[in-house]
């Protein structure tokens, strides 16, 4: 399992990159979505992370 602080850091970093580049949460992807054979991240889904990033981008 990922500690809550690390999940928050992942969310904040992804949102910061999206803001800087003018992207939406749809630009946040995991290795497993980009490269066949990759298995990460494990322990959470990218849909879950994108929802968190979407909420943070509202601020």
Protein backbone atom coordinates (compact mmCIF):
# COMPACT_ATOMS: atom_id res chain seq x y z
CA UNK A 1 0.00 0.00 0.00
CA UNK A 2 0.99 3.58 -0.66
CA UNK A 3 1.15 5.93 2.34
CA UNK A 4 -1.42 8.73 2.17
CA UNK A 5 1.37 11.32 2.02
CA UNK A 6 2.86 9.70 -1.06
CA UNK A 7 -0.50 9.50 -2.83
CA UNK A 8 -1.01 13.19 -2.07
CA UNK A 9 2.45 13.99 -3.45
CA UNK A 10 1.72 12.06 -6.66
CA UNK A 11 -1.54 13.94 -7.06
CA UNK A 12 0.04 17.33 -6.43
CA UNK A 13 2.96 16.70 -8.78
CA UNK A 14 0.68 15.52 -11.59
CA UNK A 15 -1.63 18.50 -11.11
CA UNK A 16 1.31 20.91 -11.11
CA UNK A 17 2.56 19.50 -14.42
CA UNK A 18 -0.94 19.75 -15.88
CA UNK A 19 -1.29 23.37 -14.79
CA UNK A 20 2.13 24.32 -16.15
CA UNK A 21 1.40 22.83 -19.56
CA UNK A 22 -2.31 23.73 -19.73
CA UNK A 23 -3.33 20.07 -19.73
CA UNK A 24 -6.32 18.34 -18.19
CA UNK A 25 -6.22 15.23 -16.03
CA UNK A 26 -6.55 13.19 -19.21
CA UNK A 27 -2.85 13.76 -19.83
CA UNK A 28 -1.95 11.83 -16.68
CA UNK A 29 -1.05 8.29 -17.71
CA UNK A 30 0.69 5.34 -16.11
CA UNK A 31 3.40 3.14 -17.52
CA UNK A 32 0.94 0.33 -18.00
CA UNK A 33 -1.21 2.53 -20.27
CA UNK A 34 1.74 3.62 -22.42
CA UNK A 35 4.17 0.74 -22.70
CA UNK A 36 3.11 -2.89 -23.19
CA UNK A 37 4.58 -5.13 -20.53
CA UNK A 38 4.77 -2.47 -17.83
CA UNK A 39 2.75 -3.16 -14.70
CA UNK A 40 2.98 0.02 -12.68
CA UNK A 41 1.47 1.66 -10.87
CA UNK A 42 0.17 -1.02 -8.55
CA UNK A 43 -2.07 -0.34 -5.61
CA UNK A 44 -4.24 2.31 -7.26
CA UNK A 45 -5.84 2.84 -10.64
CA UNK A 46 -5.03 5.61 -13.04
CA UNK A 47 -8.74 6.45 -13.20
CA UNK A 48 -8.64 7.06 -9.43
CA UNK A 49 -5.53 9.24 -9.75
CA UNK A 50 -6.97 11.22 -12.67
CA UNK A 51 -10.10 11.93 -10.62
CA UNK A 52 -7.95 13.26 -7.78
CA UNK A 53 -5.97 15.41 -10.23
CA UNK A 54 -9.22 16.69 -11.79
CA UNK A 55 -10.46 17.77 -8.36
CA UNK A 56 -7.16 19.48 -7.54
CA UNK A 57 -7.19 21.34 -10.86
CA UNK A 58 -10.48 22.97 -9.83
CA UNK A 59 -8.61 24.96 -7.15
